[in-house]
Amino acid sequence: MAIIMTLAFSSWVALINNFSKEAAEFTGREIGILQSLREVPGFLAFTAVLLLAVIKEQRFVLLSLLVTGLGVFLTGFFPSVVGLYFTTVLMSIGFHYFDTINQSLTLQWIDKQKAPLFMGRVMAVKAGASILVFGSLWLMLEYWSFSYVIIYAVFGGLATLLAVVVWMSFPQYPAKIEQHTHLFMRKSYWLYYALTFLSGARRQIFMVFAGFLLVERFAYSAASIALLFLVNYIFTLFLAPKIGKLIGVIGERKALTIEYLGLAIVFASYAFVDSPVWAAGLYVIDHFFFAFSIAIKTYFQKIARPQDIASTAAVSFTINHIAAVLLPVLLGFVWLYSNALVFIIGAGMAIVSLGLSQLIPRNPRLGFESRLIKSYA
């Protein structure tokens, strides 16, 4: 499933800045609106837990893969502002439901001690698939001159086909613990909710504005962006399992300290970069820190009641996307005034996240969720 989602989403995200600018003449305002619309299904991810009353998690996650593939397949056929908004939302519905249920299943099925290394390995598998996608995109664009329509149809169609194959090939695995199918928020999970919220804000600045900076300010072509993504995932392929193993050794607090210190420096550097080479270097370093976000998930796995995982995964995705829905539009207007200010705001968010991460206990567990309060009634 990780490979299939990567085939669909990586091809979409690698081309969307160039495709939107060339085919629909997007500015920072339109790309901000598009990315906010893309995050609306993530904001509504809490509805996933309600649907679990009528569909099993494993079927749900595969259905989400099918919808994602279809959305990517259709993208190239609608080269207009409204058309791109529509196909983006369709793709995003599948993507965000998949992410929600996939996280829930992973935390349920994988042992707590093995989870950081396992997630690192899955990230490496995604990186391997991404290398295949971005390498193919570079050849398609640079040497074969394929159109955006053909490229989106190829990768979206392949993802859809493979999702059907997986649906038909794998058995239904029984649930270890029956999950709650109603919504709730627990006071004891407050630190996890806060870190998740800020993680969504940080991700948007990278996803939306770091890439758009390369295209708008430094005139990177679609082929160059694909090549840059290729470099990113080569690093991830080799480093993600090692980072996962490192998190298992040093713990979540130290891992997140490394991430947020690094992000504060990277975002501050984005604000003042004036070289296309340095901008590309920052982009690669920024992407490297994504692997450390595994620590937020493993922190939650350690403090969570087993029956809470599915519902809390859905709620946390909504929390993550509150910032994701609002920030692209708001910062899109800030972008028109000052590119640098967008990244300075991002550096500020990283510093706030750094402060919160220091509240994670050395050995988090149920009843000892933060360094402020050891247990809850």
Protein backbone atom coordinates (compact mmCIF):
# COMPACT_ATOMS: atom_id res chain seq x y z
CA MET A 1 0.00 0.00 0.00
CA ALA A 2 2.90 2.35 0.76
CA ILE A 3 4.29 1.82 -2.74
CA ILE A 4 0.92 2.37 -4.43
CA MET A 5 0.20 5.61 -2.57
CA THR A 6 3.68 6.84 -3.43
CA LEU A 7 3.15 6.19 -7.14
CA ALA A 8 0.04 8.34 -7.10
CA PHE A 9 0.87 11.14 -4.70
CA SER A 10 4.54 11.65 -5.58
CA SER A 11 3.73 12.15 -9.25
CA TRP A 12 0.99 14.63 -8.33
CA VAL A 13 3.07 16.69 -5.91
CA ALA A 14 6.18 16.76 -8.12
CA LEU A 15 4.32 18.34 -11.03
CA ILE A 16 1.57 20.43 -9.47
CA ASN A 17 3.53 23.68 -9.08
CA ASN A 18 4.71 23.68 -12.68
CA PHE A 19 1.45 22.31 -14.10
CA SER A 20 -0.68 24.86 -12.25
CA LYS A 21 1.56 27.75 -13.27
CA GLU A 22 1.92 26.72 -16.94
CA ALA A 23 -1.59 25.36 -17.60
CA ALA A 24 -3.73 27.61 -15.41
CA GLU A 25 -1.42 30.60 -14.76
CA PHE A 26 -1.51 30.19 -10.98
CA THR A 27 0.03 32.83 -8.70
CA GLY A 28 0.81 32.48 -4.99
CA ARG A 29 -2.84 33.23 -4.24
CA GLU A 30 -4.28 30.41 -6.40
CA ILE A 31 -1.69 27.87 -5.27
CA GLY A 32 -2.46 28.79 -1.67
CA ILE A 33 -6.20 28.27 -2.26
CA LEU A 34 -5.57 24.96 -4.04
CA GLN A 35 -3.40 23.67 -1.20
CA SER A 36 -5.99 24.77 1.36
CA LEU A 37 -8.69 22.93 -0.56
CA ARG A 38 -6.39 19.91 -0.68
CA GLU A 39 -6.28 19.92 3.10
CA VAL A 40 -10.05 20.21 3.68
CA PRO A 41 -10.53 16.39 3.49
CA GLY A 42 -7.73 16.11 6.06
CA PHE A 43 -9.63 18.52 8.29
CA LEU A 44 -12.66 16.22 7.92
CA ALA A 45 -10.64 13.08 8.69
CA PHE A 46 -12.57 12.68 11.96
CA THR A 47 -15.45 11.30 9.84
CA ALA A 48 -13.29 8.23 9.14
CA VAL A 49 -14.04 6.78 12.56
CA LEU A 50 -17.78 7.13 11.93
CA LEU A 51 -17.45 5.17 8.68
CA LEU A 52 -15.72 2.34 10.55
CA ALA A 53 -19.14 1.38 11.86
CA VAL A 54 -20.08 0.23 8.34
CA ILE A 55 -16.76 -0.74 6.71
CA LYS A 56 -13.73 -2.62 8.02
CA GLU A 57 -10.49 -0.67 8.33
CA GLN A 58 -8.60 -2.83 5.83
CA ARG A 59 -11.28 -2.41 3.14
CA PHE A 60 -11.55 1.29 3.91
CA VAL A 61 -7.84 1.88 3.40
CA LEU A 62 -7.88 0.08 0.03
CA LEU A 63 -10.94 2.01 -1.13
CA SER A 64 -9.06 5.19 -0.24
CA LEU A 65 -6.16 4.07 -2.45
CA LEU A 66 -8.56 3.63 -5.38
CA VAL A 67 -9.98 7.14 -4.96
CA THR A 68 -6.49 8.65 -4.76
CA GLY A 69 -5.40 6.93 -7.98
CA LEU A 70 -8.54 8.10 -9.79
CA GLY A 71 -8.00 11.71 -8.69
CA VAL A 72 -4.41 11.71 -9.99
CA PHE A 73 -5.48 10.02 -13.23
CA LEU A 74 -7.99 12.81 -13.94
CA THR A 75 -5.71 15.74 -13.02
CA GLY A 76 -4.15 16.30 -16.44
CA PHE A 77 -7.54 16.33 -18.18
CA PHE A 78 -8.71 19.45 -16.30
CA PRO A 79 -6.06 22.19 -16.88
CA SER A 80 -8.02 25.09 -15.40
CA VAL A 81 -8.40 26.76 -12.02
CA VAL A 82 -11.75 25.10 -11.26
CA GLY A 83 -10.66 21.80 -12.81
CA LEU A 84 -7.52 21.63 -10.70
CA TYR A 85 -9.49 22.48 -7.57
CA PHE A 86 -11.91 19.60 -8.31
CA THR A 87 -9.33 16.90 -9.08
CA THR A 88 -7.20 18.00 -6.13
CA VAL A 89 -10.10 17.57 -3.68
CA LEU A 90 -10.95 14.15 -5.15
CA MET A 91 -7.36 12.97 -4.86
CA SER A 92 -7.12 14.43 -1.38
CA ILE A 93 -10.20 12.62 -0.07
CA GLY A 94 -8.54 9.30 -0.86
CA PHE A 95 -5.11 10.42 0.35
CA HIS A 96 -6.24 11.67 3.76
CA TYR A 97 -8.58 8.79 4.55
CA PHE A 98 -5.74 6.45 3.58
CA ASP A 99 -3.27 8.24 5.83
CA THR A 100 -5.69 8.18 8.76
CA ILE A 101 -6.54 4.48 8.57
CA ASN A 102 -3.02 3.44 7.59
CA GLN A 103 -1.62 5.09 10.74
CA SER A 104 -4.29 3.42 12.85
CA LEU A 105 -3.52 -0.05 11.46
CA THR A 106 0.23 0.42 11.85
CA LEU A 107 -0.04 1.42 15.51
CA GLN A 108 -2.41 -1.48 16.19
CA TRP A 109 -0.45 -4.19 14.39
CA ILE A 110 3.20 -3.32 15.15
CA ASP A 111 4.83 -3.92 18.54
CA LYS A 112 5.79 -0.72 20.42
CA GLN A 113 9.46 -1.68 20.61
CA LYS A 114 9.64 -2.38 16.87
CA ALA A 115 7.46 0.52 15.69
CA PRO A 116 10.17 3.21 15.18
CA LEU A 117 12.37 0.89 13.09
CA PHE A 118 9.34 -0.46 11.19
CA MET A 119 8.12 3.05 10.35
CA GLY A 120 11.62 3.96 9.23
CA ARG A 121 11.68 0.94 6.93
CA VAL A 122 8.27 1.82 5.50
CA MET A 123 9.56 5.34 4.89
CA ALA A 124 12.52 3.80 3.06
CA VAL A 125 10.14 1.70 0.94
CA LYS A 126 8.24 4.88 0.06
CA ALA A 127 11.55 6.53 -0.78
CA GLY A 128 12.46 3.68 -3.10
CA ALA A 129 9.12 4.00 -4.88
CA SER A 130 9.59 7.77 -5.03
CA ILE A 131 13.00 7.34 -6.64
CA LEU A 132 11.34 5.24 -9.32
CA VAL A 133 8.62 7.88 -9.80
CA PHE A 134 10.91 10.92 -9.92
CA GLY A 135 13.47 9.18 -12.08
CA SER A 136 10.71 8.26 -14.53
CA LEU A 137 9.29 11.78 -14.41
CA TRP A 138 12.68 13.28 -15.22
CA LEU A 139 13.07 10.99 -18.24
CA MET A 140 9.49 11.63 -19.38
CA LEU A 141 9.92 15.39 -19.20
CA GLU A 142 13.56 15.91 -20.15
CA TYR A 143 14.06 13.30 -22.88
CA TRP A 144 10.68 12.04 -24.04
CA SER A 145 8.72 15.31 -23.76
CA PHE A 146 5.59 13.62 -22.43
CA SER A 147 2.64 15.92 -21.72
CA TYR A 148 1.24 16.43 -18.24
CA VAL A 149 -1.94 14.64 -19.33
CA ILE A 150 -0.07 11.46 -20.22
CA ILE A 151 2.11 11.50 -17.10
CA TYR A 152 -0.78 11.94 -14.67
CA ALA A 153 -2.80 9.28 -16.53
CA VAL A 154 0.08 6.78 -16.39
CA PHE A 155 0.82 7.10 -12.68
CA GLY A 156 -2.78 7.56 -11.55
CA GLY A 157 -3.95 4.64 -13.69
CA LEU A 158 -1.15 2.39 -12.45
CA ALA A 159 -1.94 3.19 -8.81
CA THR A 160 -5.64 2.45 -9.36
CA LEU A 161 -4.86 -0.86 -11.06
CA LEU A 162 -2.47 -1.97 -8.32
CA ALA A 163 -4.99 -1.06 -5.61
CA VAL A 164 -7.48 -3.44 -7.26
CA VAL A 165 -4.81 -6.17 -7.36
CA VAL A 166 -4.08 -5.76 -3.63
CA TRP A 167 -7.79 -5.74 -2.81
CA MET A 168 -8.21 -9.10 -4.57
CA SER A 169 -4.94 -10.69 -3.40
CA PHE A 170 -4.71 -10.18 0.36
CA PRO A 171 -6.94 -11.76 3.04
CA GLN A 172 -8.75 -9.81 5.74
CA TYR A 173 -6.58 -9.67 8.86
CA PRO A 174 -8.49 -9.86 12.16
CA ALA A 175 -8.41 -6.86 14.51
CA LYS A 176 -6.44 -7.45 17.73
CA ILE A 177 -8.60 -5.11 19.80
CA GLU A 178 -12.03 -3.77 18.92
CA GLN A 179 -11.72 -0.05 18.23
CA HIS A 180 -14.01 2.72 19.41
CA THR A 181 -16.23 3.99 16.58
CA HIS A 182 -17.20 7.28 18.19
CA LEU A 183 -15.36 10.59 18.54
CA PHE A 184 -13.72 11.79 21.73
CA MET A 185 -10.71 13.75 22.99
CA ARG A 186 -8.82 12.82 26.14
CA LYS A 187 -7.18 15.39 28.41
CA SER A 188 -4.21 13.05 28.82
CA TYR A 189 -3.39 13.31 25.09
CA TRP A 190 -3.11 17.13 25.08
CA LEU A 191 0.62 17.22 24.31
CA TYR A 192 0.19 14.83 21.40
CA TYR A 193 -2.63 17.03 20.04
CA ALA A 194 -0.46 20.17 20.34
CA LEU A 195 2.55 18.62 18.58
CA THR A 196 0.27 17.25 15.87
CA PHE A 197 -1.27 20.69 15.26
CA LEU A 198 2.12 22.36 14.87
CA SER A 199 3.38 19.51 12.69
CA GLY A 200 0.56 20.25 10.24
CA ALA A 201 1.58 23.91 10.11
CA ARG A 202 5.24 23.07 9.45
CA ARG A 203 4.36 20.56 6.74
CA GLN A 204 2.31 23.11 4.83
CA ILE A 205 5.12 25.64 4.67
CA PHE A 206 7.36 22.96 3.16
CA MET A 207 4.76 21.43 0.85
CA VAL A 208 3.33 24.70 -0.46
CA PHE A 209 5.85 27.48 -0.23
CA ALA A 210 9.31 25.88 -0.26
CA GLY A 211 8.57 24.23 -3.61
CA PHE A 212 6.81 27.29 -4.99
CA LEU A 213 9.85 29.42 -4.05
CA LEU A 214 12.00 27.27 -6.31
CA VAL A 215 9.58 27.61 -9.22
CA GLU A 216 8.58 31.26 -8.89
CA ARG A 217 11.80 32.90 -7.67
CA PHE A 218 14.48 30.64 -9.12
CA ALA A 219 12.59 29.39 -12.24
CA TYR A 220 13.13 25.68 -11.62
CA SER A 221 11.60 23.57 -14.41
CA ALA A 222 9.34 20.56 -13.81
CA ALA A 223 12.25 18.29 -14.75
CA SER A 224 14.54 20.04 -12.26
CA ILE A 225 11.94 19.72 -9.48
CA ALA A 226 11.57 16.00 -10.26
CA LEU A 227 15.36 15.61 -10.09
CA LEU A 228 15.43 17.43 -6.75
CA PHE A 229 12.75 15.13 -5.38
CA LEU A 230 14.85 12.22 -6.62
CA VAL A 231 17.81 13.43 -4.55
CA ASN A 232 15.53 13.85 -1.50
CA TYR A 233 14.34 10.27 -1.63
CA ILE A 234 17.75 8.76 -2.26
CA PHE A 235 18.75 10.24 1.10
CA THR A 236 15.51 9.00 2.69
CA LEU A 237 15.99 5.48 1.30
CA PHE A 238 19.24 5.06 3.20
CA LEU A 239 18.68 7.28 6.23
CA ALA A 240 15.03 6.68 7.26
CA PRO A 241 15.59 3.18 8.76
CA LYS A 242 18.62 4.53 10.63
CA ILE A 243 16.59 7.47 11.96
CA GLY A 244 13.81 5.09 13.02
CA LYS A 245 16.36 2.97 14.86
CA LEU A 246 17.87 6.11 16.42
CA ILE A 247 14.46 7.19 17.74
CA GLY A 248 14.08 3.79 19.39
CA VAL A 249 17.45 4.32 21.13
CA ILE A 250 17.41 8.01 22.16
CA GLY A 251 13.66 8.41 22.67
CA GLU A 252 11.05 10.74 21.28
CA ARG A 253 12.04 13.91 23.16
CA LYS A 254 15.62 13.98 21.92
CA ALA A 255 14.56 13.04 18.38
CA LEU A 256 12.06 15.90 18.19
CA THR A 257 14.62 18.29 19.69
CA ILE A 258 16.92 17.50 16.76
CA GLU A 259 14.08 17.98 14.28
CA TYR A 260 12.80 21.30 15.57
CA LEU A 261 16.22 22.88 16.08
CA GLY A 262 17.09 21.94 12.52
CA LEU A 263 13.79 23.25 11.16
CA ALA A 264 14.18 26.61 12.88
CA ILE A 265 17.56 27.06 11.19
CA VAL A 266 16.28 25.86 7.80
CA PHE A 267 13.21 28.11 7.78
CA ALA A 268 15.24 31.15 8.85
CA SER A 269 17.68 30.38 6.02
CA TYR A 270 14.84 30.14 3.46
CA ALA A 271 13.90 33.71 4.33
CA PHE A 272 17.20 35.13 3.12
CA VAL A 273 18.45 32.67 0.49
CA ASP A 274 19.35 34.29 -2.85
CA SER A 275 21.08 31.39 -4.60
CA PRO A 276 19.16 28.66 -6.49
CA VAL A 277 21.79 26.12 -5.43
CA TRP A 278 21.51 27.02 -1.73
CA ALA A 279 17.72 27.02 -2.01
CA ALA A 280 17.82 23.49 -3.42
CA GLY A 281 20.18 22.45 -0.60
CA LEU A 282 17.79 23.79 2.02
CA TYR A 283 14.95 21.91 0.33
CA VAL A 284 16.85 18.62 0.66
CA ILE A 285 17.77 19.29 4.31
CA ASP A 286 14.16 20.29 5.08
CA HIS A 287 12.90 17.01 3.63
CA PHE A 288 15.45 15.04 5.65
CA PHE A 289 13.84 16.17 8.90
CA PHE A 290 10.49 14.60 7.92
CA ALA A 291 11.78 11.22 9.07
CA PHE A 292 12.01 12.47 12.66
CA SER A 293 8.23 13.00 12.72
CA ILE A 294 7.98 9.25 13.35
CA ALA A 295 8.65 10.20 16.98
CA ILE A 296 5.25 11.91 17.35
CA LYS A 297 3.48 8.70 16.27
CA THR A 298 5.53 6.41 18.51
CA TYR A 299 5.03 8.80 21.43
CA PHE A 300 1.27 8.47 20.98
CA GLN A 301 1.50 4.69 20.63
CA LYS A 302 3.21 4.54 24.04
CA ILE A 303 0.67 6.70 25.90
CA ALA A 304 -2.53 5.50 24.16
CA ARG A 305 -5.16 3.13 25.38
CA PRO A 306 -5.20 0.32 22.73
CA GLN A 307 -8.91 0.77 21.94
CA ASP A 308 -8.42 4.52 21.36
CA ILE A 309 -6.02 4.26 18.42
CA ALA A 310 -8.43 4.37 15.45
CA SER A 311 -10.59 7.18 16.84
CA THR A 312 -7.63 9.26 18.02
CA ALA A 313 -5.86 8.80 14.68
CA ALA A 314 -8.92 10.30 12.98
CA VAL A 315 -9.19 13.16 15.47
CA SER A 316 -5.47 13.90 15.28
CA PHE A 317 -5.60 14.18 11.49
CA THR A 318 -8.33 16.77 11.85
CA ILE A 319 -6.24 18.68 14.39
CA ASN A 320 -3.23 18.44 12.10
CA HIS A 321 -5.25 19.93 9.27
CA ILE A 322 -6.76 22.88 11.11
CA ALA A 323 -3.52 24.71 10.40
CA ALA A 324 -3.22 23.00 7.03
CA VAL A 325 -6.54 24.40 5.83
CA LEU A 326 -6.03 27.95 7.09
CA LEU A 327 -2.31 28.56 6.59
CA PRO A 328 -1.92 28.17 2.79
CA VAL A 329 -4.58 30.80 2.07
CA LEU A 330 -3.41 33.20 4.79
CA LEU A 331 0.28 32.78 3.99
CA GLY A 332 -0.54 32.94 0.28
CA PHE A 333 -1.54 36.57 0.81
CA VAL A 334 1.52 37.15 3.02
CA TRP A 335 3.58 35.70 0.18
CA LEU A 336 2.40 38.46 -2.15
CA TYR A 337 3.78 40.98 0.34
CA SER A 338 6.96 39.16 1.46
CA ASN A 339 8.34 35.70 0.68
CA ALA A 340 10.76 35.99 3.60
CA LEU A 341 8.03 36.65 6.18
CA VAL A 342 6.35 33.32 5.37
CA PHE A 343 9.50 31.43 6.33
CA ILE A 344 10.18 33.57 9.40
CA ILE A 345 6.70 32.57 10.63
CA GLY A 346 7.69 28.95 9.97
CA ALA A 347 10.85 29.37 12.07
CA GLY A 348 8.72 30.73 14.92
CA MET A 349 6.46 27.67 14.75
CA ALA A 350 9.50 25.39 14.91
CA ILE A 351 10.69 27.15 18.08
CA VAL A 352 7.27 26.74 19.73
CA SER A 353 7.32 23.03 18.78
CA LEU A 354 10.79 22.72 20.28
CA GLY A 355 9.51 24.08 23.60
CA LEU A 356 6.56 21.69 23.69
CA SER A 357 8.71 18.68 22.79
CA GLN A 358 10.70 19.18 25.99
CA LEU A 359 7.59 18.17 27.95
CA ILE A 360 7.74 14.59 26.63
CA PRO A 361 8.91 12.23 29.42
CA ARG A 362 12.01 10.11 28.99
CA ASN A 363 9.81 6.99 29.10
CA PRO A 364 6.27 8.05 28.10
CA ARG A 365 3.48 5.64 28.94
CA LEU A 366 -0.18 5.50 29.90
CA GLY A 367 -0.52 7.60 33.07
CA PHE A 368 2.77 9.41 32.46
CA GLU A 369 2.05 11.39 29.30
CA SER A 370 4.03 14.58 30.04
CA ARG A 371 6.63 15.94 32.40
CA LEU A 372 4.07 18.35 33.85
CA ILE A 373 1.45 15.83 34.96
CA LYS A 374 2.35 12.23 35.72
CA SER A 375 -1.14 10.79 35.72
CA TYR A 376 -4.74 11.70 35.11
CA ALA A 377 -7.88 10.72 36.99
